[in-house]
Amino acid sequence: VQLQASGGGLVQTGGSLRLSCVVSGLSISDTAMGWFRQAPGKEREFVAYIKRNRVSTSYGASVRGRFTISKDNAENTVYLQMNSLRPEDTATYHCAAKIGYLRYEFPDGYNYWGQGTQVTVSS
């Protein structure tokens, strides 16, 4: 199983980015997908998840109302649309795939991880 995240970059405060995560070796129609982020010296932080049914989603408090998670089962790809970006959103963003039904908001609840894509928001 491989997860390949892309779409990160340097953006000014208030700007937008769209992250993509292409999954191979696993059908995302059978899994929940999540995004987490980690800044230097900080713990990995929950950003968003989307369940198998593509309807149930949840967001971390710091991104709620600004970020949107979605997935395209036909493309086996999950997306994270990030709007109104702030300097505190600067981090490496990781996508993850989850087989089970517990701990959606915790890194240890996920079975497979991508390598991450860097997002830097300048002030």
Protein backbone atom coordinates (compact mmCIF):
# COMPACT_ATOMS: atom_id res chain seq x y z
CA VAL A 1 0.00 0.00 0.00
CA GLN A 2 1.32 3.42 -0.94
CA LEU A 3 -0.03 6.88 -0.28
CA GLN A 4 1.44 9.76 -2.28
CA ALA A 5 0.61 13.24 -1.05
CA SER A 6 1.20 16.32 -3.17
CA GLY A 7 0.06 19.90 -3.62
CA GLY A 8 1.94 21.61 -0.84
CA GLY A 9 3.92 24.78 -1.31
CA LEU A 10 4.49 28.34 -0.20
CA VAL A 11 1.46 30.61 0.03
CA GLN A 12 0.67 33.95 1.62
CA THR A 13 -1.70 34.43 4.52
CA GLY A 14 -5.26 34.20 3.30
CA GLY A 15 -4.36 32.07 0.32
CA SER A 16 -5.51 28.59 -0.65
CA LEU A 17 -3.98 25.25 -1.48
CA ARG A 18 -5.43 21.91 -2.49
CA LEU A 19 -3.63 18.79 -1.31
CA SER A 20 -4.06 15.45 -3.03
CA CYS A 21 -3.31 11.96 -1.84
CA VAL A 22 -3.24 9.18 -4.40
CA VAL A 23 -3.59 5.71 -2.92
CA SER A 24 -2.38 2.50 -4.53
CA GLY A 25 -2.69 -1.06 -3.32
CA LEU A 26 -5.89 -0.32 -1.41
CA SER A 27 -9.34 0.79 -2.46
CA ILE A 28 -10.33 3.92 -0.57
CA SER A 29 -13.98 2.98 -1.00
CA ASP A 30 -13.28 0.43 1.74
CA THR A 31 -11.39 2.76 4.06
CA ALA A 32 -11.68 5.96 5.97
CA MET A 33 -9.08 8.57 5.06
CA GLY A 34 -7.51 11.21 7.23
CA TRP A 35 -5.19 14.17 7.08
CA PHE A 36 -2.80 15.04 9.88
CA ARG A 37 -0.11 17.67 10.13
CA GLN A 38 3.09 18.07 12.06
CA ALA A 39 5.10 21.19 12.64
CA PRO A 40 8.72 21.07 13.84
CA GLY A 41 8.92 20.31 17.54
CA LYS A 42 5.21 19.56 17.80
CA GLU A 43 3.12 16.42 17.95
CA ARG A 44 1.18 15.17 14.96
CA GLU A 45 -2.16 16.96 14.89
CA PHE A 46 -5.50 15.77 13.55
CA VAL A 47 -6.77 17.87 10.65
CA ALA A 48 -9.69 16.01 9.06
CA TYR A 49 -11.14 12.63 8.24
CA ILE A 50 -13.74 11.29 5.87
CA LYS A 51 -15.46 7.97 6.39
CA ARG A 52 -16.13 5.25 3.84
CA ASN A 53 -19.54 6.63 2.95
CA ARG A 54 -18.03 10.00 1.86
CA VAL A 55 -20.72 11.76 3.85
CA SER A 56 -19.35 11.66 7.38
CA THR A 57 -16.51 14.08 7.91
CA SER A 58 -14.88 15.74 10.89
CA TYR A 59 -12.32 18.51 11.35
CA GLY A 60 -9.89 19.67 13.94
CA ALA A 61 -10.99 22.79 15.79
CA SER A 62 -8.22 24.93 14.34
CA VAL A 63 -9.21 24.23 10.71
CA ARG A 64 -12.98 23.84 10.94
CA GLY A 65 -14.75 26.17 8.52
CA ARG A 66 -11.60 26.73 6.44
CA PHE A 67 -10.60 23.25 5.26
CA THR A 68 -12.66 20.67 3.38
CA ILE A 69 -11.86 17.00 2.94
CA SER A 70 -13.25 14.99 0.05
CA LYS A 71 -12.46 11.85 -1.85
CA ASP A 72 -12.93 10.45 -5.32
CA ASN A 73 -13.31 6.68 -5.11
CA ALA A 74 -12.97 6.28 -8.87
CA GLU A 75 -9.61 8.05 -8.80
CA ASN A 76 -8.66 6.46 -5.46
CA THR A 77 -7.67 9.93 -4.31
CA VAL A 78 -8.44 12.02 -1.25
CA TYR A 79 -8.25 15.80 -1.24
CA LEU A 80 -7.85 18.56 1.32
CA GLN A 81 -8.98 21.99 0.19
CA MET A 82 -7.39 24.59 2.44
CA ASN A 83 -8.70 28.15 2.37
CA SER A 84 -7.94 31.26 4.43
CA LEU A 85 -4.54 29.88 5.32
CA ARG A 86 -2.69 31.25 8.32
CA PRO A 87 0.97 31.11 9.35
CA GLU A 88 0.05 28.62 12.09
CA ASP A 89 -1.08 26.20 9.36
CA THR A 90 2.57 25.77 8.37
CA ALA A 91 3.45 22.09 8.73
CA THR A 92 4.07 18.86 6.89
CA TYR A 93 0.71 17.39 5.94
CA HIS A 94 0.28 13.62 5.90
CA CYS A 95 -2.56 11.55 4.51
CA ALA A 96 -3.46 8.26 6.12
CA ALA A 97 -5.76 5.31 5.49
CA LYS A 98 -7.76 3.57 8.16
CA ILE A 99 -9.19 0.06 8.13
CA GLY A 100 -10.91 -0.07 11.52
CA TYR A 101 -13.76 1.86 13.12
CA LEU A 102 -12.19 3.52 16.15
CA ARG A 103 -9.93 6.47 16.93
CA TYR A 104 -10.52 8.45 13.75
CA GLU A 105 -8.90 11.54 15.25
CA PHE A 106 -5.75 9.82 16.48
CA PRO A 107 -2.67 8.86 14.50
CA ASP A 108 -2.54 5.42 16.06
CA GLY A 109 -5.97 4.69 14.57
CA TYR A 110 -4.55 4.63 11.04
CA ASN A 111 -2.88 1.73 9.28
CA TYR A 112 -1.09 3.35 6.33
CA TRP A 113 0.67 6.69 5.91
CA GLY A 114 2.03 8.82 3.11
CA GLN A 115 5.33 10.64 3.24
CA GLY A 116 3.87 14.11 3.64
CA THR A 117 3.83 17.35 1.72
CA GLN A 118 5.13 20.66 3.09
CA VAL A 119 2.82 23.63 3.46
CA THR A 120 4.34 26.99 4.35
CA VAL A 121 2.19 30.05 4.94
CA SER A 122 4.00 33.37 5.01
CA SER A 123 2.75 36.33 7.02
